[in-house]
Amino acid sequence: QVQLVESGGGLVQAGGPLRLSCAASGRTFSTYNMAWFRQAPGKEREFVAGINSTSSNIAYGESVKGRFTISRDNAKNTVSLQMNSLKPEDTAVYYCAADRRTWAPIVLSAFGYDYWGQGTQVTVSS
């Protein structure tokens, strides 16, 4: 069992940066693929970024490529999302997710993830 706790959300002006963090419990964190998703009101949950267990494979959603960077620190059981050049359309609740399969490809669908955090609100003002 893994528990995920996100932090770092808040209100930011368009064009500004924000950094989200996800702290994970459990000794198997280093074997999991991790991802960030987001969900805006009335919309489906959207893949933002994913990273495999060794950080050798990373994927981004089209809408955030070139602006967001995902990283992880297996020694600290954390995964982070650095968000730059934020836009009002980035406003959403951001979720951290873990895929417990070992050596699996990064999954872009929310259905591929077994554990979820409670989410953190990111609001970008224009």
N, C-alpha and C. Protein backbone atom coordinates (compact mmCIF):
# COMPACT_ATOMS: atom_id res chain seq x y z
N GLN A 1 0.84 -1.19 0.00
CA GLN A 1 0.00 0.00 0.00
C GLN A 1 0.87 1.24 0.00
N VAL A 2 0.51 2.22 -0.81
CA VAL A 2 1.25 3.48 -0.90
C VAL A 2 0.28 4.62 -0.63
N GLN A 3 0.71 5.55 0.18
CA GLN A 3 -0.07 6.77 0.40
C GLN A 3 0.67 7.93 -0.25
N LEU A 4 -0.07 8.76 -0.94
CA LEU A 4 0.50 9.88 -1.67
C LEU A 4 -0.09 11.18 -1.16
N VAL A 5 0.76 12.15 -0.90
CA VAL A 5 0.31 13.45 -0.40
C VAL A 5 0.93 14.55 -1.25
N GLU A 6 0.08 15.30 -1.93
CA GLU A 6 0.55 16.40 -2.76
C GLU A 6 0.65 17.69 -1.95
N SER A 7 1.53 18.57 -2.41
CA SER A 7 1.64 19.90 -1.81
C SER A 7 2.16 20.86 -2.88
N GLY A 8 2.05 22.15 -2.58
CA GLY A 8 2.62 23.16 -3.46
C GLY A 8 1.63 23.89 -4.34
N GLY A 9 0.38 23.50 -4.30
CA GLY A 9 -0.61 24.19 -5.12
C GLY A 9 -0.89 25.59 -4.58
N GLY A 10 -1.60 26.38 -5.38
CA GLY A 10 -1.94 27.73 -4.95
C GLY A 10 -2.37 28.59 -6.11
N LEU A 11 -2.39 29.88 -5.85
CA LEU A 11 -2.78 30.87 -6.85
C LEU A 11 -1.54 31.53 -7.43
N VAL A 12 -1.47 31.60 -8.75
CA VAL A 12 -0.31 32.19 -9.41
C VAL A 12 -0.79 32.97 -10.63
N GLN A 13 -0.05 34.01 -10.96
CA GLN A 13 -0.39 34.79 -12.16
C GLN A 13 0.07 34.08 -13.41
N ALA A 14 -0.63 34.33 -14.49
CA ALA A 14 -0.23 33.76 -15.77
C ALA A 14 1.21 34.13 -16.09
N GLY A 15 1.94 33.15 -16.60
CA GLY A 15 3.35 33.35 -16.92
C GLY A 15 4.29 32.97 -15.79
N GLY A 16 3.75 32.79 -14.62
CA GLY A 16 4.57 32.48 -13.46
C GLY A 16 4.83 31.00 -13.29
N PRO A 17 5.72 30.66 -12.35
CA PRO A 17 6.05 29.27 -12.06
C PRO A 17 5.36 28.78 -10.78
N LEU A 18 5.31 27.47 -10.68
CA LEU A 18 4.82 26.83 -9.47
C LEU A 18 5.40 25.43 -9.45
N ARG A 19 5.70 24.96 -8.27
CA ARG A 19 6.29 23.62 -8.13
C ARG A 19 5.43 22.78 -7.22
N LEU A 20 5.00 21.65 -7.73
CA LEU A 20 4.22 20.70 -6.94
C LEU A 20 5.12 19.57 -6.48
N SER A 21 4.82 19.06 -5.30
CA SER A 21 5.54 17.91 -4.78
C SER A 21 4.56 16.85 -4.33
N CYS A 22 5.01 15.61 -4.40
CA CYS A 22 4.20 14.48 -3.95
C CYS A 22 5.10 13.60 -3.08
N ALA A 23 4.70 13.44 -1.83
CA ALA A 23 5.44 12.60 -0.91
C ALA A 23 4.74 11.25 -0.80
N ALA A 24 5.52 10.19 -0.94
CA ALA A 24 4.95 8.84 -0.92
C ALA A 24 5.45 8.06 0.29
N SER A 25 4.57 7.28 0.85
CA SER A 25 4.96 6.38 1.93
C SER A 25 5.23 5.01 1.33
N GLY A 26 5.91 4.16 2.06
CA GLY A 26 6.12 2.81 1.59
C GLY A 26 7.50 2.58 0.99
N ARG A 27 7.99 1.36 1.17
CA ARG A 27 9.35 1.04 0.74
C ARG A 27 9.45 0.69 -0.73
N THR A 28 8.32 0.55 -1.42
CA THR A 28 8.35 0.14 -2.82
C THR A 28 8.20 1.30 -3.79
N PHE A 29 8.25 2.52 -3.29
CA PHE A 29 8.08 3.70 -4.16
C PHE A 29 9.04 3.66 -5.33
N SER A 30 10.27 3.26 -5.09
CA SER A 30 11.30 3.33 -6.13
C SER A 30 11.03 2.39 -7.30
N THR A 31 10.11 1.46 -7.14
CA THR A 31 9.81 0.52 -8.23
C THR A 31 8.59 0.96 -9.06
N TYR A 32 7.90 2.00 -8.60
CA TYR A 32 6.66 2.40 -9.27
C TYR A 32 6.90 3.47 -10.33
N ASN A 33 6.14 3.37 -11.41
CA ASN A 33 6.01 4.53 -12.28
C ASN A 33 5.11 5.55 -11.59
N MET A 34 5.45 6.82 -11.76
CA MET A 34 4.68 7.88 -11.12
C MET A 34 4.17 8.85 -12.19
N ALA A 35 3.09 9.50 -11.88
CA ALA A 35 2.52 10.44 -12.85
C ALA A 35 1.78 11.55 -12.15
N TRP A 36 1.60 12.62 -12.88
CA TRP A 36 0.73 13.72 -12.47
C TRP A 36 -0.44 13.80 -13.47
N PHE A 37 -1.61 13.93 -12.92
CA PHE A 37 -2.81 14.16 -13.70
C PHE A 37 -3.45 15.46 -13.20
N ARG A 38 -4.36 15.98 -13.98
CA ARG A 38 -5.12 17.14 -13.53
C ARG A 38 -6.56 17.03 -13.99
N GLN A 39 -7.42 17.69 -13.26
CA GLN A 39 -8.83 17.67 -13.61
C GLN A 39 -9.44 19.04 -13.34
N ALA A 40 -9.95 19.64 -14.39
CA ALA A 40 -10.65 20.91 -14.28
C ALA A 40 -12.15 20.63 -14.16
N PRO A 41 -12.90 21.56 -13.60
CA PRO A 41 -14.35 21.36 -13.44
C PRO A 41 -15.04 21.02 -14.77
N GLY A 42 -15.81 19.96 -14.76
CA GLY A 42 -16.55 19.56 -15.95
C GLY A 42 -15.73 18.85 -17.00
N LYS A 43 -14.47 18.58 -16.70
CA LYS A 43 -13.61 17.92 -17.68
C LYS A 43 -13.10 16.59 -17.14
N GLU A 44 -12.62 15.75 -18.05
CA GLU A 44 -12.06 14.47 -17.64
C GLU A 44 -10.67 14.67 -17.05
N ARG A 45 -10.26 13.68 -16.28
CA ARG A 45 -8.91 13.73 -15.72
C ARG A 45 -7.90 13.57 -16.87
N GLU A 46 -6.92 14.45 -16.88
CA GLU A 46 -5.97 14.56 -17.99
C GLU A 46 -4.56 14.21 -17.56
N PHE A 47 -3.88 13.40 -18.36
CA PHE A 47 -2.47 13.08 -18.10
C PHE A 47 -1.63 14.32 -18.31
N VAL A 48 -0.77 14.61 -17.34
CA VAL A 48 0.12 15.76 -17.43
C VAL A 48 1.56 15.31 -17.69
N ALA A 49 2.05 14.39 -16.86
CA ALA A 49 3.43 13.94 -17.01
C ALA A 49 3.60 12.63 -16.27
N GLY A 50 4.52 11.80 -16.77
CA GLY A 50 4.81 10.54 -16.12
C GLY A 50 6.30 10.26 -16.15
N ILE A 51 6.76 9.48 -15.18
CA ILE A 51 8.18 9.16 -15.08
C ILE A 51 8.31 7.72 -14.60
N ASN A 52 9.24 6.97 -15.20
CA ASN A 52 9.38 5.58 -14.78
C ASN A 52 10.25 5.50 -13.52
N SER A 53 10.45 4.29 -13.04
CA SER A 53 11.08 4.10 -11.74
C SER A 53 12.52 4.60 -11.69
N THR A 54 13.22 4.54 -12.82
CA THR A 54 14.63 4.94 -12.85
C THR A 54 14.85 6.32 -13.45
N SER A 55 13.76 7.01 -13.78
CA SER A 55 13.81 8.34 -14.42
C SER A 55 14.41 8.28 -15.83
N SER A 56 14.50 7.10 -16.41
CA SER A 56 15.08 6.96 -17.75
C SER A 56 14.03 7.18 -18.84
N ASN A 57 12.78 7.17 -18.47
CA ASN A 57 11.70 7.38 -19.43
C ASN A 57 10.70 8.37 -18.86
N ILE A 58 10.44 9.42 -19.61
CA ILE A 58 9.54 10.48 -19.17
C ILE A 58 8.57 10.82 -20.31
N ALA A 59 7.35 11.09 -19.95
CA ALA A 59 6.35 11.45 -20.95
C ALA A 59 5.56 12.67 -20.47
N TYR A 60 5.13 13.49 -21.42
CA TYR A 60 4.35 14.68 -21.10
C TYR A 60 3.10 14.74 -21.96
N GLY A 61 2.06 15.32 -21.40
CA GLY A 61 0.90 15.61 -22.20
C GLY A 61 1.23 16.73 -23.18
N GLU A 62 0.53 16.73 -24.31
CA GLU A 62 0.85 17.70 -25.36
C GLU A 62 0.71 19.14 -24.88
N SER A 63 -0.25 19.39 -24.04
CA SER A 63 -0.53 20.77 -23.63
C SER A 63 0.50 21.35 -22.68
N VAL A 64 1.38 20.51 -22.13
CA VAL A 64 2.36 21.01 -21.17
C VAL A 64 3.80 20.83 -21.62
N LYS A 65 4.00 20.21 -22.76
CA LYS A 65 5.36 19.98 -23.26
C LYS A 65 6.11 21.30 -23.39
N GLY A 66 7.35 21.29 -22.91
CA GLY A 66 8.18 22.48 -22.99
C GLY A 66 7.98 23.45 -21.84
N ARG A 67 6.95 23.24 -21.03
CA ARG A 67 6.67 24.14 -19.92
C ARG A 67 6.79 23.45 -18.56
N PHE A 68 6.44 22.17 -18.51
CA PHE A 68 6.45 21.43 -17.26
C PHE A 68 7.60 20.42 -17.27
N THR A 69 8.12 20.14 -16.08
CA THR A 69 9.18 19.14 -15.93
C THR A 69 8.87 18.26 -14.73
N ILE A 70 8.86 16.96 -14.96
CA ILE A 70 8.65 16.00 -13.87
C ILE A 70 9.98 15.42 -13.45
N SER A 71 10.13 15.18 -12.16
CA SER A 71 11.35 14.56 -11.65
C SER A 71 10.99 13.77 -10.39
N ARG A 72 11.91 12.92 -9.99
CA ARG A 72 11.69 12.12 -8.78
C ARG A 72 12.99 11.95 -8.03
N ASP A 73 12.85 11.71 -6.74
CA ASP A 73 13.99 11.42 -5.87
C ASP A 73 13.63 10.17 -5.08
N ASN A 74 14.15 9.04 -5.51
CA ASN A 74 13.78 7.77 -4.87
C ASN A 74 14.32 7.67 -3.44
N ALA A 75 15.39 8.36 -3.15
CA ALA A 75 15.94 8.34 -1.80
C ALA A 75 15.00 9.07 -0.83
N LYS A 76 14.26 10.04 -1.34
CA LYS A 76 13.35 10.82 -0.50
C LYS A 76 11.88 10.45 -0.71
N ASN A 77 11.63 9.49 -1.59
CA ASN A 77 10.26 9.07 -1.89
C ASN A 77 9.39 10.26 -2.33
N THR A 78 9.92 11.03 -3.23
CA THR A 78 9.16 12.19 -3.72
C THR A 78 9.18 12.26 -5.24
N VAL A 79 8.13 12.83 -5.78
CA VAL A 79 8.07 13.15 -7.19
C VAL A 79 7.58 14.60 -7.29
N SER A 80 8.17 15.34 -8.21
CA SER A 80 7.87 16.77 -8.31
C SER A 80 7.43 17.14 -9.72
N LEU A 81 6.74 18.24 -9.79
CA LEU A 81 6.32 18.78 -11.08
C LEU A 81 6.63 20.27 -11.07
N GLN A 82 7.62 20.65 -11.84
CA GLN A 82 7.96 22.06 -12.01
C GLN A 82 7.15 22.61 -13.17
N MET A 83 6.33 23.61 -12.87
CA MET A 83 5.45 24.18 -13.90
C MET A 83 5.88 25.61 -14.18
N ASN A 84 6.24 25.88 -15.39
CA ASN A 84 6.65 27.22 -15.81
C ASN A 84 5.70 27.76 -16.87
N SER A 85 5.75 29.05 -17.07
CA SER A 85 4.91 29.70 -18.09
C SER A 85 3.45 29.27 -17.97
N LEU A 86 2.95 29.33 -16.76
CA LEU A 86 1.60 28.86 -16.51
C LEU A 86 0.56 29.71 -17.25
N LYS A 87 -0.50 29.03 -17.65
CA LYS A 87 -1.60 29.66 -18.38
C LYS A 87 -2.89 29.47 -17.61
N PRO A 88 -3.86 30.33 -17.81
CA PRO A 88 -5.15 30.14 -17.12
C PRO A 88 -5.76 28.76 -17.38
N GLU A 89 -5.52 28.20 -18.53
CA GLU A 89 -6.07 26.87 -18.84
C GLU A 89 -5.37 25.75 -18.09
N ASP A 90 -4.31 26.05 -17.37
CA ASP A 90 -3.66 25.06 -16.50
C ASP A 90 -4.38 24.95 -15.16
N THR A 91 -5.35 25.80 -14.93
CA THR A 91 -6.11 25.76 -13.68
C THR A 91 -6.84 24.43 -13.54
N ALA A 92 -6.60 23.75 -12.44
CA ALA A 92 -7.19 22.43 -12.21
C ALA A 92 -6.75 21.92 -10.84
N VAL A 93 -7.34 20.81 -10.44
CA VAL A 93 -6.82 20.06 -9.31
C VAL A 93 -5.79 19.08 -9.87
N TYR A 94 -4.62 19.09 -9.29
CA TYR A 94 -3.53 18.24 -9.75
C TYR A 94 -3.38 17.06 -8.79
N TYR A 95 -3.28 15.88 -9.39
CA TYR A 95 -3.18 14.65 -8.63
C TYR A 95 -1.88 13.91 -8.94
N CYS A 96 -1.32 13.35 -7.91
CA CYS A 96 -0.18 12.46 -8.02
C CYS A 96 -0.70 11.03 -8.05
N ALA A 97 -0.10 10.19 -8.90
CA ALA A 97 -0.58 8.82 -9.03
C ALA A 97 0.59 7.85 -9.16
N ALA A 98 0.37 6.62 -8.69
CA ALA A 98 1.41 5.59 -8.74
C ALA A 98 0.88 4.34 -9.42
N ASP A 99 1.72 3.78 -10.28
CA ASP A 99 1.43 2.53 -10.98
C ASP A 99 2.33 1.47 -10.37
N ARG A 100 1.76 0.48 -9.69
CA ARG A 100 2.55 -0.47 -8.93
C ARG A 100 3.17 -1.58 -9.77
N ARG A 101 2.90 -1.64 -11.06
CA ARG A 101 3.51 -2.67 -11.88
C ARG A 101 5.00 -2.38 -12.03
N THR A 102 5.77 -3.45 -12.07
CA THR A 102 7.23 -3.31 -12.18
C THR A 102 7.65 -3.34 -13.64
N TRP A 103 8.54 -2.44 -14.01
CA TRP A 103 9.09 -2.39 -15.37
C TRP A 103 8.01 -2.26 -16.43
N ALA A 104 7.02 -1.48 -16.16
CA ALA A 104 5.94 -1.27 -17.11
C ALA A 104 6.15 0.04 -17.86
N PRO A 105 5.61 0.16 -19.05
CA PRO A 105 5.69 1.44 -19.75
C PRO A 105 4.82 2.48 -19.04
N ILE A 106 5.11 3.73 -19.28
CA ILE A 106 4.31 4.79 -18.69
C ILE A 106 2.92 4.79 -19.34
N VAL A 107 1.91 4.76 -18.50
CA VAL A 107 0.53 4.71 -18.98
C VAL A 107 -0.04 6.12 -18.98
N LEU A 108 -0.75 6.46 -20.04
CA LEU A 108 -1.30 7.81 -20.15
C LEU A 108 -2.74 7.90 -19.64
N SER A 109 -3.33 6.76 -19.35
CA SER A 109 -4.70 6.74 -18.87
C SER A 109 -4.75 6.64 -17.36
N ALA A 110 -5.70 7.35 -16.77
CA ALA A 110 -5.86 7.31 -15.32
C ALA A 110 -6.19 5.90 -14.83
N PHE A 111 -6.77 5.09 -15.69
CA PHE A 111 -7.16 3.74 -15.29
C PHE A 111 -5.95 2.87 -15.01
N GLY A 112 -4.77 3.29 -15.47
CA GLY A 112 -3.57 2.48 -15.28
C GLY A 112 -2.88 2.67 -13.94
N TYR A 113 -3.45 3.50 -13.07
CA TYR A 113 -2.79 3.83 -11.81
C TYR A 113 -3.57 3.30 -10.62
N ASP A 114 -2.81 2.81 -9.65
CA ASP A 114 -3.41 2.11 -8.53
C ASP A 114 -3.60 2.99 -7.29
N TYR A 115 -2.75 3.98 -7.14
CA TYR A 115 -2.81 4.82 -5.94
C TYR A 115 -2.87 6.28 -6.36
N TRP A 116 -3.63 7.04 -5.58
CA TRP A 116 -3.84 8.45 -5.89
C TRP A 116 -3.73 9.30 -4.63
N GLY A 117 -3.22 10.51 -4.81
CA GLY A 117 -3.25 11.47 -3.73
C GLY A 117 -4.59 12.16 -3.68
N GLN A 118 -4.75 13.07 -2.73
CA GLN A 118 -6.02 13.76 -2.54
C GLN A 118 -6.17 14.96 -3.49
N GLY A 119 -5.09 15.36 -4.11
CA GLY A 119 -5.13 16.46 -5.06
C GLY A 119 -4.76 17.79 -4.43
N THR A 120 -4.24 18.68 -5.25
CA THR A 120 -3.91 20.03 -4.81
C THR A 120 -4.37 21.01 -5.89
N GLN A 121 -5.02 22.09 -5.46
CA GLN A 121 -5.60 23.04 -6.40
C GLN A 121 -4.53 23.98 -6.94
N VAL A 122 -4.51 24.14 -8.25
CA VAL A 122 -3.67 25.13 -8.90
C VAL A 122 -4.60 26.08 -9.66
N THR A 123 -4.48 27.36 -9.35
CA THR A 123 -5.30 28.37 -10.02
C THR A 123 -4.38 29.40 -10.65
N VAL A 124 -4.55 29.61 -11.94
CA VAL A 124 -3.73 30.56 -12.68
C VAL A 124 -4.62 31.72 -13.11
N SER A 125 -4.28 32.89 -12.62
CA SER A 125 -5.09 34.08 -12.95
C SER A 125 -4.53 34.77 -14.19
N SER A 126 -5.42 35.36 -14.96
CA SER A 126 -4.99 36.03 -16.20
C SER A 126 -4.70 37.50 -15.95
